[in-house]
Protein backbone atom coordinates (compact mmCIF):
# COMPACT_ATOMS: atom_id res chain seq x y z
CA MET A 1 60.73 110.10 83.17
CA GLU A 2 58.50 107.26 84.39
CA GLU A 3 57.72 106.36 80.80
CA LEU A 4 61.40 105.67 80.12
CA LEU A 5 61.66 103.34 83.10
CA THR A 6 58.59 101.33 82.20
CA GLN A 7 59.77 100.92 78.65
CA ALA A 8 63.24 99.79 79.71
CA ILE A 9 62.10 96.92 81.94
CA THR A 10 59.04 94.82 81.28
CA ALA A 11 57.32 92.35 83.60
CA ARG A 12 58.73 89.50 81.51
CA ASP A 13 62.28 90.70 82.23
CA LEU A 14 61.64 90.33 85.95
CA GLU A 15 60.44 86.70 85.76
CA ARG A 16 63.95 85.29 85.75
CA ALA A 17 67.05 86.74 87.41
CA ILE A 18 70.63 85.82 86.61
CA VAL A 19 72.84 85.88 89.68
CA ASP A 20 76.62 85.76 89.48
CA THR A 21 77.84 83.55 92.34
CA THR A 22 81.51 83.55 91.43
CA VAL A 23 83.74 83.39 94.49
CA PRO A 24 87.20 84.95 94.17
CA GLU A 25 90.12 82.73 95.11
CA LYS A 26 91.92 83.47 98.33
CA GLU A 27 95.55 83.02 99.16
CA VAL A 28 95.34 79.70 100.95
CA VAL A 29 98.51 78.35 102.47
CA TYR A 30 98.55 74.58 102.50
CA PRO A 31 100.57 72.75 105.14
CA THR A 32 103.78 71.24 103.85
CA ASP A 33 105.77 68.43 105.39
CA SER A 34 108.45 70.80 106.60
CA ARG A 35 105.92 73.10 108.28
CA LEU A 36 104.18 70.19 109.98
CA LEU A 37 107.49 68.77 111.19
CA GLU A 38 108.53 72.15 112.59
CA ALA A 39 105.18 72.61 114.37
CA GLY A 40 105.44 69.12 115.86
CA ARG A 41 109.02 69.72 117.01
CA ARG A 42 108.02 72.98 118.66
CA LYS A 43 105.09 71.36 120.49
CA LEU A 44 107.22 68.45 121.69
CA VAL A 45 109.81 70.85 123.11
CA LEU A 46 107.07 72.79 124.92
CA LEU A 47 105.59 69.58 126.35
CA GLY A 48 109.05 68.47 127.47
CA LYS A 49 109.58 71.77 129.30
CA ARG A 50 106.12 71.62 130.88
CA TYR A 51 106.65 68.13 132.31
CA GLY A 52 110.28 68.71 133.31
CA ILE A 53 111.90 66.42 130.76
CA ALA A 54 115.48 67.47 130.10
CA LEU A 55 116.24 67.41 126.39
CA ARG A 56 119.78 67.14 125.08
CA GLN A 57 118.85 69.06 121.95
CA SER A 58 115.76 71.01 121.00
CA TYR A 59 116.81 71.82 117.42
CA GLU A 60 115.68 75.38 118.07
CA ARG A 61 117.94 76.80 115.35
CA GLU A 62 118.15 73.76 113.11
CA GLY A 63 114.36 73.36 112.68
CA PRO A 64 113.49 76.70 111.09
CA LYS A 65 116.66 76.66 109.01
CA SER A 66 115.89 73.24 107.53
CA ARG A 67 112.27 74.30 106.95
CA ARG A 68 113.45 77.26 104.86
CA ARG A 69 115.88 75.07 102.93
CA ALA A 70 113.19 72.45 102.24
CA GLY A 71 110.82 75.17 101.05
CA GLY A 72 113.45 76.48 98.67
CA TYR A 73 114.09 73.03 97.27
CA ALA A 74 110.36 72.43 96.84
CA HIS A 75 110.01 75.74 95.01
CA ALA A 76 112.83 74.78 92.66
CA LYS A 77 111.24 71.32 92.20
CA GLN A 78 114.35 69.63 93.63
CA TYR A 79 112.37 67.00 95.50
CA LYS A 80 115.24 64.57 96.16
CA ARG A 81 117.18 67.29 97.99
CA MET A 82 114.04 68.33 99.86
CA LYS A 83 113.41 64.77 101.08
CA ARG A 84 117.02 64.51 102.24
CA ILE A 85 116.58 67.65 104.34
CA LEU A 86 113.28 66.42 105.80
CA ARG A 87 114.77 63.07 106.85
CA ARG A 88 117.17 64.76 109.27
């Protein structure tokens, strides 16, 4: 049995090693304009509540809805419609 192992690998084979350093891709979510705007809106509302600033509107319902619409337009490559939604 030992004879088979010594014949399979020689000392020369062990001089250089080939290492596969391939890194698999991960599902990375990049921030979009609509997501950043929604996060900023949410933080501003929280800061307003913390410091007692009365807001007329917080866009609590409008923000997430427009974010979803902008994401749909971006997915369909309808960038003019997406920009119109983001300007609101």
